[in-house]
Amino acid sequence: QVQLVESGGGLVQAGGSLRLSCAASGVGNTFSMYAVGWYRQAPGKQREYVALIRSGGTTMYAESVKGRFTISRDDAKNTMYLQMNSQKPKDKAVYYCSRARYWGQGTQVTVSS
């Protein structure tokens, strides 16, 4: 059974940084074969795409985070990351990782102004 577990969320001041992690289990040796992504959902809003990294390392970002966030992956550890720099209050949301049809439970990120 595939499970994704996010960690690293918390409270940060505007302009600060956080690094989220997403560890996958139950994927055997297939983690590297799939694109993995980060999404977020702010209160009262729909879940939105944040960043994606394909197998092989090609990355894509939403315009709202481009230049501030960096997605990466460590296939040997079945883990993906989201480095968030220069954070803004509008980045406050629950952040979810996703691989294929699987989702993590989410981790809360709060940015104080």
PDB file of N, CA and C in Angstrom:
ATOM      1  N   GLN A   1       0.843  -1.187   0.000  1.00  0.00           N
ATOM      2  CA  GLN A   1       0.000   0.000   0.000  1.00  0.00           C
ATOM      3  C   GLN A   1       0.883   1.244   0.000  1.00  0.00           C
ATOM      4  N   VAL A   2       0.637   2.124  -0.959  1.00  0.00           N
ATOM      5  CA  VAL A   2       1.426   3.339  -1.079  1.00  0.00           C
ATOM      6  C   VAL A   2       0.973   4.353  -0.035  1.00  0.00           C
ATOM      7  N   GLN A   3       1.927   4.918   0.658  1.00  0.00           N
ATOM      8  CA  GLN A   3       1.640   5.993   1.602  1.00  0.00           C
ATOM      9  C   GLN A   3       2.623   7.137   1.375  1.00  0.00           C
ATOM     10  N   LEU A   4       2.116   8.346   1.494  1.00  0.00           N
ATOM     11  CA  LEU A   4       2.927   9.549   1.411  1.00  0.00           C
ATOM     12  C   LEU A   4       2.761  10.317   2.709  1.00  0.00           C
ATOM     13  N   VAL A   5       3.870  10.707   3.318  1.00  0.00           N
ATOM     14  CA  VAL A   5       3.817  11.405   4.595  1.00  0.00           C
ATOM     15  C   VAL A   5       4.635  12.688   4.494  1.00  0.00           C
ATOM     16  N   GLU A   6       3.935  13.813   4.650  1.00  0.00           N
ATOM     17  CA  GLU A   6       4.600  15.110   4.622  1.00  0.00           C
ATOM     18  C   GLU A   6       5.094  15.488   6.014  1.00  0.00           C
ATOM     19  N   SER A   7       6.123  16.302   6.044  1.00  0.00           N
ATOM     20  CA  SER A   7       6.629  16.855   7.297  1.00  0.00           C
ATOM     21  C   SER A   7       7.325  18.168   7.000  1.00  0.00           C
ATOM     22  N   GLY A   8       7.585  18.941   8.061  1.00  0.00           N
ATOM     23  CA  GLY A   8       8.344  20.169   7.908  1.00  0.00           C
ATOM     24  C   GLY A   8       7.532  21.440   7.927  1.00  0.00           C
ATOM     25  N   GLY A   9       6.227  21.319   8.011  1.00  0.00           N
ATOM     26  CA  GLY A   9       5.414  22.515   8.078  1.00  0.00           C
ATOM     27  C   GLY A   9       5.566  23.220   9.419  1.00  0.00           C
ATOM     28  N   GLY A  10       5.008  24.415   9.496  1.00  0.00           N
ATOM     29  CA  GLY A  10       5.086  25.156  10.742  1.00  0.00           C
ATOM     30  C   GLY A  10       4.800  26.615  10.524  1.00  0.00           C
ATOM     31  N   LEU A  11       5.212  27.413  11.491  1.00  0.00           N
ATOM     32  CA  LEU A  11       5.008  28.860  11.459  1.00  0.00           C
ATOM     33  C   LEU A  11       6.319  29.545  11.095  1.00  0.00           C
ATOM     34  N   VAL A  12       6.247  30.457  10.154  1.00  0.00           N
ATOM     35  CA  VAL A  12       7.432  31.199   9.732  1.00  0.00           C
ATOM     36  C   VAL A  12       7.035  32.647   9.497  1.00  0.00           C
ATOM     37  N   GLN A  13       7.963  33.550   9.727  1.00  0.00           N
ATOM     38  CA  GLN A  13       7.700  34.957   9.457  1.00  0.00           C
ATOM     39  C   GLN A  13       7.829  35.234   7.961  1.00  0.00           C
ATOM     40  N   ALA A  14       7.138  36.242   7.510  1.00  0.00           N
ATOM     41  CA  ALA A  14       7.261  36.650   6.109  1.00  0.00           C
ATOM     42  C   ALA A  14       8.733  36.916   5.785  1.00  0.00           C
ATOM     43  N   GLY A  15       9.145  36.413   4.638  1.00  0.00           N
ATOM     44  CA  GLY A  15      10.547  36.516   4.237  1.00  0.00           C
ATOM     45  C   GLY A  15      11.389  35.335   4.649  1.00  0.00           C
ATOM     46  N   GLY A  16      10.827  34.492   5.499  1.00  0.00           N
ATOM     47  CA  GLY A  16      11.566  33.344   5.997  1.00  0.00           C
ATOM     48  C   GLY A  16      11.469  32.135   5.081  1.00  0.00           C
ATOM     49  N   SER A  17      12.015  31.021   5.586  1.00  0.00           N
ATOM     50  CA  SER A  17      12.102  29.802   4.784  1.00  0.00           C
ATOM     51  C   SER A  17      11.635  28.587   5.572  1.00  0.00           C
ATOM     52  N   LEU A  18      11.098  27.639   4.842  1.00  0.00           N
ATOM     53  CA  LEU A  18      10.766  26.326   5.375  1.00  0.00           C
ATOM     54  C   LEU A  18      11.111  25.289   4.318  1.00  0.00           C
ATOM     55  N   ARG A  19      11.387  24.081   4.775  1.00  0.00           N
ATOM     56  CA  ARG A  19      11.623  22.976   3.855  1.00  0.00           C
ATOM     57  C   ARG A  19      10.666  21.845   4.190  1.00  0.00           C
ATOM     58  N   LEU A  20       9.838  21.506   3.241  1.00  0.00           N
ATOM     59  CA  LEU A  20       8.911  20.401   3.409  1.00  0.00           C
ATOM     60  C   LEU A  20       9.520  19.124   2.835  1.00  0.00           C
ATOM     61  N   SER A  21       9.182  18.027   3.468  1.00  0.00           N
ATOM     62  CA  SER A  21       9.597  16.714   2.973  1.00  0.00           C
ATOM     63  C   SER A  21       8.366  15.848   2.769  1.00  0.00           C
ATOM     64  N   CYS A  22       8.486  14.905   1.865  1.00  0.00           N
ATOM     65  CA  CYS A  22       7.407  13.944   1.617  1.00  0.00           C
ATOM     66  C   CYS A  22       8.059  12.579   1.401  1.00  0.00           C
ATOM     67  N   ALA A  23       7.845  11.698   2.345  1.00  0.00           N
ATOM     68  CA  ALA A  23       8.432  10.361   2.276  1.00  0.00           C
ATOM     69  C   ALA A  23       7.397   9.357   1.781  1.00  0.00           C
ATOM     70  N   ALA A  24       7.781   8.584   0.793  1.00  0.00           N
ATOM     71  CA  ALA A  24       6.881   7.585   0.223  1.00  0.00           C
ATOM     72  C   ALA A  24       7.253   6.195   0.715  1.00  0.00           C
ATOM     73  N   SER A  25       6.251   5.424   1.031  1.00  0.00           N
ATOM     74  CA  SER A  25       6.465   4.022   1.398  1.00  0.00           C
ATOM     75  C   SER A  25       5.516   3.151   0.589  1.00  0.00           C
ATOM     76  N   GLY A  26       5.875   1.869   0.490  1.00  0.00           N
ATOM     77  CA  GLY A  26       5.043   0.958  -0.278  1.00  0.00           C
ATOM     78  C   GLY A  26       5.198   1.114  -1.777  1.00  0.00           C
ATOM     79  N   VAL A  27       6.264   1.802  -2.214  1.00  0.00           N
ATOM     80  CA  VAL A  27       6.470   2.046  -3.645  1.00  0.00           C
ATOM     81  C   VAL A  27       7.548   1.162  -4.231  1.00  0.00           C
ATOM     82  N   GLY A  28       8.210   0.362  -3.400  1.00  0.00           N
ATOM     83  CA  GLY A  28       9.270  -0.496  -3.896  1.00  0.00           C
ATOM     84  C   GLY A  28      10.344   0.303  -4.601  1.00  0.00           C
ATOM     85  N   ASN A  29      10.686  -0.143  -5.802  1.00  0.00           N
ATOM     86  CA  ASN A  29      11.711   0.538  -6.597  1.00  0.00           C
ATOM     87  C   ASN A  29      11.113   1.440  -7.674  1.00  0.00           C
ATOM     88  N   THR A  30       9.849   1.774  -7.529  1.00  0.00           N
ATOM     89  CA  THR A  30       9.162   2.514  -8.597  1.00  0.00           C
ATOM     90  C   THR A  30       9.102   4.011  -8.364  1.00  0.00           C
ATOM     91  N   PHE A  31       9.582   4.492  -7.227  1.00  0.00           N
ATOM     92  CA  PHE A  31       9.435   5.912  -6.920  1.00  0.00           C
ATOM     93  C   PHE A  31      10.005   6.787  -8.024  1.00  0.00           C
ATOM     94  N   SER A  32      11.158   6.418  -8.537  1.00  0.00           N
ATOM     95  CA  SER A  32      11.843   7.236  -9.541  1.00  0.00           C
ATOM     96  C   SER A  32      11.115   7.265 -10.880  1.00  0.00           C
ATOM     97  N   MET A  33      10.184   6.368 -11.090  1.00  0.00           N
ATOM     98  CA  MET A  33       9.521   6.267 -12.390  1.00  0.00           C
ATOM     99  C   MET A  33       8.402   7.273 -12.579  1.00  0.00           C
ATOM    100  N   TYR A  34       7.991   7.930 -11.497  1.00  0.00           N
ATOM    101  CA  TYR A  34       6.827   8.791 -11.567  1.00  0.00           C
ATOM    102  C   TYR A  34       7.193  10.247 -11.287  1.00  0.00           C
ATOM    103  N   ALA A  35       6.443  11.129 -11.907  1.00  0.00           N
ATOM    104  CA  ALA A  35       6.484  12.527 -11.501  1.00  0.00           C
ATOM    105  C   ALA A  35       5.849  12.647 -10.122  1.00  0.00           C
ATOM    106  N   VAL A  36       6.345  13.581  -9.339  1.00  0.00           N
ATOM    107  CA  VAL A  36       5.756  13.845  -8.032  1.00  0.00           C
ATOM    108  C   VAL A  36       5.562  15.348  -7.903  1.00  0.00           C
ATOM    109  N   GLY A  37       4.578  15.729  -7.125  1.00  0.00           N
ATOM    110  CA  GLY A  37       4.269  17.151  -7.061  1.00  0.00           C
ATOM    111  C   GLY A  37       3.813  17.613  -5.691  1.00  0.00           C
ATOM    112  N   TRP A  38       3.804  18.926  -5.552  1.00  0.00           N
ATOM    113  CA  TRP A  38       3.285  19.583  -4.359  1.00  0.00           C
ATOM    114  C   TRP A  38       2.080  20.434  -4.748  1.00  0.00           C
ATOM    115  N   TYR A  39       1.097  20.420  -3.878  1.00  0.00           N
ATOM    116  CA  TYR A  39      -0.114  21.205  -4.039  1.00  0.00           C
ATOM    117  C   TYR A  39      -0.411  21.867  -2.702  1.00  0.00           C
ATOM    118  N   ARG A  40      -1.280  22.867  -2.715  1.00  0.00           N
ATOM    119  CA  ARG A  40      -1.652  23.515  -1.465  1.00  0.00           C
ATOM    120  C   ARG A  40      -3.101  23.942  -1.499  1.00  0.00           C
ATOM    121  N   GLN A  41      -3.662  24.057  -0.312  1.00  0.00           N
ATOM    122  CA  GLN A  41      -5.051  24.493  -0.186  1.00  0.00           C
ATOM    123  C   GLN A  41      -5.147  25.486   0.949  1.00  0.00           C
ATOM    124  N   ALA A  42      -5.492  26.708   0.590  1.00  0.00           N
ATOM    125  CA  ALA A  42      -5.684  27.761   1.579  1.00  0.00           C
ATOM    126  C   ALA A  42      -7.120  27.711   2.085  1.00  0.00           C
ATOM    127  N   PRO A  43      -7.377  28.263   3.266  1.00  0.00           N
ATOM    128  CA  PRO A  43      -8.736  28.243   3.818  1.00  0.00           C
ATOM    129  C   PRO A  43      -9.740  28.868   2.848  1.00  0.00           C
ATOM    130  N   GLY A  44     -10.811  28.147   2.592  1.00  0.00           N
ATOM    131  CA  GLY A  44     -11.864  28.660   1.734  1.00  0.00           C
ATOM    132  C   GLY A  44     -11.559  28.638   0.256  1.00  0.00           C
ATOM    133  N   LYS A  45     -10.438  28.041  -0.120  1.00  0.00           N
ATOM    134  CA  LYS A  45     -10.056  28.011  -1.530  1.00  0.00           C
ATOM    135  C   LYS A  45      -9.867  26.576  -1.999  1.00  0.00           C
ATOM    136  N   GLN A  46      -9.855  26.406  -3.315  1.00  0.00           N
ATOM    137  CA  GLN A  46      -9.615  25.092  -3.882  1.00  0.00           C
ATOM    138  C   GLN A  46      -8.125  24.740  -3.819  1.00  0.00           C
ATOM    139  N   ARG A  47      -7.871  23.444  -3.836  1.00  0.00           N
ATOM    140  CA  ARG A  47      -6.490  22.989  -3.871  1.00  0.00           C
ATOM    141  C   ARG A  47      -5.850  23.437  -5.193  1.00  0.00           C
ATOM    142  N   GLU A  48      -4.604  23.908  -5.111  1.00  0.00           N
ATOM    143  CA  GLU A  48      -3.937  24.390  -6.307  1.00  0.00           C
ATOM    144  C   GLU A  48      -2.547  23.770  -6.446  1.00  0.00           C
ATOM    145  N   TYR A  49      -2.134  23.696  -7.660  1.00  0.00           N
ATOM    146  CA  TYR A  49      -0.823  23.163  -8.008  1.00  0.00           C
ATOM    147  C   TYR A  49       0.257  24.145  -7.590  1.00  0.00           C
ATOM    148  N   VAL A  50       1.376  23.600  -7.064  1.00  0.00           N
ATOM    149  CA  VAL A  50       2.511  24.427  -6.658  1.00  0.00           C
ATOM    150  C   VAL A  50       3.735  24.115  -7.510  1.00  0.00           C
ATOM    151  N   ALA A  51       4.117  22.841  -7.553  1.00  0.00           N
ATOM    152  CA  ALA A  51       5.351  22.471  -8.269  1.00  0.00           C
ATOM    153  C   ALA A  51       5.306  20.997  -8.609  1.00  0.00           C
ATOM    154  N   LEU A  52       6.087  20.642  -9.635  1.00  0.00           N
ATOM    155  CA  LEU A  52       6.143  19.264 -10.111  1.00  0.00           C
ATOM    156  C   LEU A  52       7.571  18.953 -10.504  1.00  0.00           C
ATOM    157  N   ILE A  53       7.989  17.734 -10.229  1.00  0.00           N
ATOM    158  CA  ILE A  53       9.291  17.277 -10.706  1.00  0.00           C
ATOM    159  C   ILE A  53       9.094  15.916 -11.372  1.00  0.00           C
ATOM    160  N   ARG A  54       9.532  15.829 -12.605  1.00  0.00           N
ATOM    161  CA  ARG A  54       9.365  14.596 -13.367  1.00  0.00           C
ATOM    162  C   ARG A  54      10.477  13.605 -13.065  1.00  0.00           C
ATOM    163  N   SER A  55      10.289  12.369 -13.436  1.00  0.00           N
ATOM    164  CA  SER A  55      11.393  11.421 -13.367  1.00  0.00           C
ATOM    165  C   SER A  55      12.482  11.960 -14.294  1.00  0.00           C
ATOM    166  N   GLY A  56      13.689  11.979 -13.839  1.00  0.00           N
ATOM    167  CA  GLY A  56      14.765  12.582 -14.617  1.00  0.00           C
ATOM    168  C   GLY A  56      15.092  13.989 -14.155  1.00  0.00           C
ATOM    169  N   GLY A  57      14.168  14.614 -13.400  1.00  0.00           N
ATOM    170  CA  GLY A  57      14.505  15.858 -12.734  1.00  0.00           C
ATOM    171  C   GLY A  57      13.955  17.148 -13.325  1.00  0.00           C
ATOM    172  N   THR A  58      13.231  17.089 -14.417  1.00  0.00           N
ATOM    173  CA  THR A  58      12.649  18.319 -14.964  1.00  0.00           C
ATOM    174  C   THR A  58      11.638  18.887 -13.975  1.00  0.00           C
ATOM    175  N   THR A  59      11.733  20.195 -13.724  1.00  0.00           N
ATOM    176  CA  THR A  59      10.857  20.830 -12.740  1.00  0.00           C
ATOM    177  C   THR A  59       9.932  21.853 -13.397  1.00  0.00           C
ATOM    178  N   MET A  60       8.777  22.044 -12.765  1.00  0.00           N
ATOM    179  CA  MET A  60       7.795  23.019 -13.218  1.00  0.00           C
ATOM    180  C   MET A  60       7.209  23.686 -11.982  1.00  0.00           C
ATOM    181  N   TYR A  61       6.837  24.955 -12.113  1.00  0.00           N
ATOM    182  CA  TYR A  61       6.337  25.714 -10.973  1.00  0.00           C
ATOM    183  C   TYR A  61       5.133  26.561 -11.369  1.00  0.00           C
ATOM    184  N   ALA A  62       4.262  26.746 -10.398  1.00  0.00           N
ATOM    185  CA  ALA A  62       3.215  27.745 -10.557  1.00  0.00           C
ATOM    186  C   ALA A  62       3.863  29.122 -10.571  1.00  0.00           C
ATOM    187  N   GLU A  63       3.250  30.040 -11.298  1.00  0.00           N
ATOM    188  CA  GLU A  63       3.817  31.381 -11.407  1.00  0.00           C
ATOM    189  C   GLU A  63       3.945  32.050 -10.037  1.00  0.00           C
ATOM    190  N   SER A  64       3.038  31.742  -9.140  1.00  0.00           N
ATOM    191  CA  SER A  64       3.007  32.401  -7.839  1.00  0.00           C
ATOM    192  C   SER A  64       4.203  32.035  -6.957  1.00  0.00           C
ATOM    193  N   VAL A  65       4.899  30.945  -7.279  1.00  0.00           N
ATOM    194  CA  VAL A  65       6.020  30.515  -6.439  1.00  0.00           C
ATOM    195  C   VAL A  65       7.336  30.484  -7.195  1.00  0.00           C
ATOM    196  N   LYS A  66       7.286  30.717  -8.487  1.00  0.00           N
ATOM    197  CA  LYS A  66       8.491  30.633  -9.311  1.00  0.00           C
ATOM    198  C   LYS A  66       9.547  31.609  -8.806  1.00  0.00           C
ATOM    199  N   GLY A  67      10.767  31.108  -8.656  1.00  0.00           N
ATOM    200  CA  GLY A  67      11.859  31.937  -8.153  1.00  0.00           C
ATOM    201  C   GLY A  67      11.989  31.941  -6.644  1.00  0.00           C
ATOM    202  N   ARG A  68      10.974  31.435  -5.937  1.00  0.00           N
ATOM    203  CA  ARG A  68      11.020  31.396  -4.482  1.00  0.00           C
ATOM    204  C   ARG A  68      11.059  29.967  -3.943  1.00  0.00           C
ATOM    205  N   PHE A  69      10.369  29.063  -4.610  1.00  0.00           N
ATOM    206  CA  PHE A  69      10.291  27.672  -4.169  1.00  0.00           C
ATOM    207  C   PHE A  69      11.136  26.794  -5.081  1.00  0.00           C
ATOM    208  N   THR A  70      11.683  25.732  -4.503  1.00  0.00           N
ATOM    209  CA  THR A  70      12.454  24.759  -5.275  1.00  0.00           C
ATOM    210  C   THR A  70      12.012  23.351  -4.901  1.00  0.00           C
ATOM    211  N   ILE A  71      11.606  22.597  -5.909  1.00  0.00           N
ATOM    212  CA  ILE A  71      11.230  21.203  -5.695  1.00  0.00           C
ATOM    213  C   ILE A  71      12.415  20.314  -6.052  1.00  0.00           C
ATOM    214  N   SER A  72      12.577  19.256  -5.290  1.00  0.00           N
ATOM    215  CA  SER A  72      13.661  18.313  -5.563  1.00  0.00           C
ATOM    216  C   SER A  72      13.228  16.923  -5.118  1.00  0.00           C
ATOM    217  N   ARG A  73      14.033  15.946  -5.477  1.00  0.00           N
ATOM    218  CA  ARG A  73      13.711  14.573  -5.100  1.00  0.00           C
ATOM    219  C   ARG A  73      14.993  13.791  -4.858  1.00  0.00           C
ATOM    220  N   ASP A  74      14.889  12.828  -3.965  1.00  0.00           N
ATOM    221  CA  ASP A  74      15.980  11.901  -3.704  1.00  0.00           C
ATOM    222  C   ASP A  74      15.402  10.512  -3.894  1.00  0.00           C
ATOM    223  N   ASP A  75      15.582   9.963  -5.081  1.00  0.00           N
ATOM    224  CA  ASP A  75      14.955   8.689  -5.397  1.00  0.00           C
ATOM    225  C   ASP A  75      15.512   7.541  -4.556  1.00  0.00           C
ATOM    226  N   ALA A  76      16.743   7.678  -4.115  1.00  0.00           N
ATOM    227  CA  ALA A  76      17.329   6.633  -3.270  1.00  0.00           C
ATOM    228  C   ALA A  76      16.626   6.554  -1.917  1.00  0.00           C
ATOM    229  N   LYS A  77      16.038   7.668  -1.499  1.00  0.00           N
ATOM    230  CA  LYS A  77      15.335   7.720  -0.215  1.00  0.00           C
ATOM    231  C   LYS A  77      13.828   7.720  -0.386  1.00  0.00           C
ATOM    232  N   ASN A  78      13.349   7.620  -1.636  1.00  0.00           N
ATOM    233  CA  ASN A  78      11.897   7.687  -1.892  1.00  0.00           C
ATOM    234  C   ASN A  78      11.287   8.937  -1.267  1.00  0.00           C
ATOM    235  N   THR A  79      11.976  10.044  -1.411  1.00  0.00           N
ATOM    236  CA  THR A  79      11.564  11.276  -0.741  1.00  0.00           C
ATOM    237  C   THR A  79      11.627  12.451  -1.716  1.00  0.00           C
ATOM    238  N   MET A  80      10.690  13.365  -1.573  1.00  0.00           N
ATOM    239  CA  MET A  80      10.703  14.603  -2.334  1.00  0.00           C
ATOM    240  C   MET A  80      10.684  15.764  -1.351  1.00  0.00           C
ATOM    241  N   TYR A  81      11.089  16.937  -1.844  1.00  0.00           N
ATOM    242  CA  TYR A  81      11.233  18.100  -0.976  1.00  0.00           C
ATOM    243  C   TYR A  81      10.650  19.342  -1.645  1.00  0.00           C
ATOM    244  N   LEU A  82      10.321  20.301  -0.806  1.00  0.00           N
ATOM    245  CA  LEU A  82       9.940  21.620  -1.303  1.00  0.00           C
ATOM    246  C   LEU A  82      10.621  22.654  -0.427  1.00  0.00           C
ATOM    247  N   GLN A  83      11.624  23.304  -0.976  1.00  0.00           N
ATOM    248  CA  GLN A  83      12.298  24.394  -0.272  1.00  0.00           C
ATOM    249  C   GLN A  83      11.546  25.688  -0.574  1.00  0.00           C
ATOM    250  N   MET A  84      11.067  26.323   0.473  1.00  0.00           N
ATOM    251  CA  MET A  84      10.270  27.536   0.310  1.00  0.00           C
ATOM    252  C   MET A  84      11.017  28.705   0.909  1.00  0.00           C
ATOM    253  N   ASN A  85      11.425  29.638   0.088  1.00  0.00           N
ATOM    254  CA  ASN A  85      12.147  30.836   0.524  1.00  0.00           C
ATOM    255  C   ASN A  85      11.298  32.076   0.282  1.00  0.00           C
ATOM    256  N   SER A  86      11.691  33.157   0.906  1.00  0.00           N
ATOM    257  CA  SER A  86      11.003  34.459   0.722  1.00  0.00           C
ATOM    258  C   SER A  86       9.503  34.294   0.852  1.00  0.00           C
ATOM    259  N   GLN A  87       9.094  33.639   1.902  1.00  0.00           N
ATOM    260  CA  GLN A  87       7.673  33.311   2.037  1.00  0.00           C
ATOM    261  C   GLN A  87       6.823  34.540   2.288  1.00  0.00           C
ATOM    262  N   LYS A  88       5.597  34.459   1.793  1.00  0.00           N
ATOM    263  CA  LYS A  88       4.635  35.541   1.898  1.00  0.00           C
ATOM    264  C   LYS A  88       3.402  35.047   2.649  1.00  0.00           C
ATOM    265  N   PRO A  89       2.659  35.963   3.266  1.00  0.00           N
ATOM    266  CA  PRO A  89       1.431  35.537   3.962  1.00  0.00           C
ATOM    267  C   PRO A  89       0.487  34.742   3.068  1.00  0.00           C
ATOM    268  N   LYS A  90       0.472  35.023   1.772  1.00  0.00           N
ATOM    269  CA  LYS A  90      -0.424  34.302   0.873  1.00  0.00           C
ATOM    270  C   LYS A  90       0.018  32.861   0.642  1.00  0.00           C
ATOM    271  N   ASP A  91       1.209  32.491   1.114  1.00  0.00           N
ATOM    272  CA  ASP A  91       1.655  31.099   1.016  1.00  0.00           C
ATOM    273  C   ASP A  91       1.030  30.225   2.113  1.00  0.00           C
ATOM    274  N   LYS A  92       0.331  30.850   3.048  1.00  0.00           N
ATOM    275  CA  LYS A  92      -0.306  30.081   4.117  1.00  0.00           C
ATOM    276  C   LYS A  92      -1.314  29.115   3.529  1.00  0.00           C
ATOM    277  N   ALA A  93      -1.140  27.835   3.859  1.00  0.00           N
ATOM    278  CA  ALA A  93      -2.016  26.797   3.325  1.00  0.00           C
ATOM    279  C   ALA A  93      -1.623  25.457   3.928  1.00  0.00           C
ATOM    280  N   VAL A  94      -2.447  24.468   3.679  1.00  0.00           N
ATOM    281  CA  VAL A  94      -2.044  23.091   3.927  1.00  0.00           C
ATOM    282  C   VAL A  94      -1.385  22.593   2.638  1.00  0.00           C
ATOM    283  N   TYR A  95      -0.186  22.057   2.773  1.00  0.00           N
ATOM    284  CA  TYR A  95       0.587  21.598   1.629  1.00  0.00           C
ATOM    285  C   TYR A  95       0.523  20.077   1.540  1.00  0.00           C
ATOM    286  N   TYR A  96       0.242  19.603   0.348  1.00  0.00           N
ATOM    287  CA  TYR A  96       0.096  18.176   0.102  1.00  0.00           C
ATOM    288  C   TYR A  96       1.102  17.724  -0.957  1.00  0.00           C
ATOM    289  N   CYS A  97       1.633  16.529  -0.786  1.00  0.00           N
ATOM    290  CA  CYS A  97       2.429  15.930  -1.850  1.00  0.00           C
ATOM    291  C   CYS A  97       1.578  14.872  -2.549  1.00  0.00           C
ATOM    292  N   SER A  98       1.932  14.613  -3.781  1.00  0.00           N
ATOM    293  CA  SER A  98       1.148  13.684  -4.587  1.00  0.00           C
ATOM    294  C   SER A  98       2.048  12.908  -5.537  1.00  0.00           C
ATOM    295  N   ARG A  99       1.713  11.643  -5.708  1.00  0.00           N
ATOM    296  CA  ARG A  99       2.392  10.790  -6.669  1.00  0.00           C
ATOM    297  C   ARG A  99       1.330   9.894  -7.294  1.00  0.00           C
ATOM    298  N   ALA A 100       1.207   9.981  -8.603  1.00  0.00           N
ATOM    299  CA  ALA A 100       0.150   9.246  -9.312  1.00  0.00           C
ATOM    300  C   ALA A 100      -1.194   9.620  -8.659  1.00  0.00           C
ATOM    301  N   ARG A 101      -1.958   8.661  -8.215  1.00  0.00           N
ATOM    302  CA  ARG A 101      -3.270   8.966  -7.642  1.00  0.00           C
ATOM    303  C   ARG A 101      -3.232   9.066  -6.117  1.00  0.00           C
ATOM    304  N   TYR A 102      -2.037   9.027  -5.547  1.00  0.00           N
ATOM    305  CA  TYR A 102      -1.904   9.019  -4.100  1.00  0.00           C
ATOM    306  C   TYR A 102      -1.589  10.421  -3.562  1.00  0.00           C
ATOM    307  N   TRP A 103      -2.107  10.681  -2.364  1.00  0.00           N
ATOM    308  CA  TRP A 103      -1.909  11.963  -1.703  1.00  0.00           C
ATOM    309  C   TRP A 103      -1.478  11.739  -0.263  1.00  0.00           C
ATOM    310  N   GLY A 104      -0.665  12.691   0.233  1.00  0.00           N
ATOM    311  CA  GLY A 104      -0.360  12.678   1.644  1.00  0.00           C
ATOM    312  C   GLY A 104      -1.485  13.314   2.434  1.00  0.00           C
ATOM    313  N   GLN A 105      -1.306  13.370   3.748  1.00  0.00           N
ATOM    314  CA  GLN A 105      -2.343  13.910   4.623  1.00  0.00           C
ATOM    315  C   GLN A 105      -2.248  15.424   4.766  1.00  0.00           C
ATOM    316  N   GLY A 106      -1.148  15.981   4.323  1.00  0.00           N
ATOM    317  CA  GLY A 106      -0.988  17.424   4.368  1.00  0.00           C
ATOM    318  C   GLY A 106      -0.198  17.904   5.568  1.00  0.00           C
ATOM    319  N   THR A 107       0.463  19.036   5.406  1.00  0.00           N
ATOM    320  CA  THR A 107       1.182  19.689   6.495  1.00  0.00           C
ATOM    321  C   THR A 107       0.898  21.182   6.430  1.00  0.00           C
ATOM    322  N   GLN A 108       0.612  21.760   7.580  1.00  0.00           N
ATOM    323  CA  GLN A 108       0.199  23.163   7.643  1.00  0.00           C
ATOM    324  C   GLN A 108       1.405  24.093   7.586  1.00  0.00           C
ATOM    325  N   VAL A 109       1.303  25.094   6.750  1.00  0.00           N
ATOM    326  CA  VAL A 109       2.305  26.158   6.684  1.00  0.00           C
ATOM    327  C   VAL A 109       1.597  27.478   6.967  1.00  0.00           C
ATOM    328  N   THR A 110       2.085  28.197   7.947  1.00  0.00           N
ATOM    329  CA  THR A 110       1.523  29.498   8.303  1.00  0.00           C
ATOM    330  C   THR A 110       2.620  30.541   8.208  1.00  0.00           C
ATOM    331  N   VAL A 111       2.341  31.628   7.532  1.00  0.00           N
ATOM    332  CA  VAL A 111       3.309  32.701   7.352  1.00  0.00           C
ATOM    333  C   VAL A 111       2.748  33.949   8.015  1.00  0.00           C
ATOM    334  N   SER A 112       3.459  34.461   8.995  1.00  0.00           N
ATOM    335  CA  SER A 112       3.000  35.648   9.708  1.00  0.00           C
ATOM    336  C   SER A 112       3.611  36.893   9.071  1.00  0.00           C
ATOM    337  N   SER A 113       2.813  37.938   9.065  1.00  0.00           N
ATOM    338  CA  SER A 113       3.280  39.194   8.443  1.00  0.00           C
ATOM    339  C   SER A 113       3.952  40.094   9.460  1.00  0.00           C
TER     340      SER A 113
END
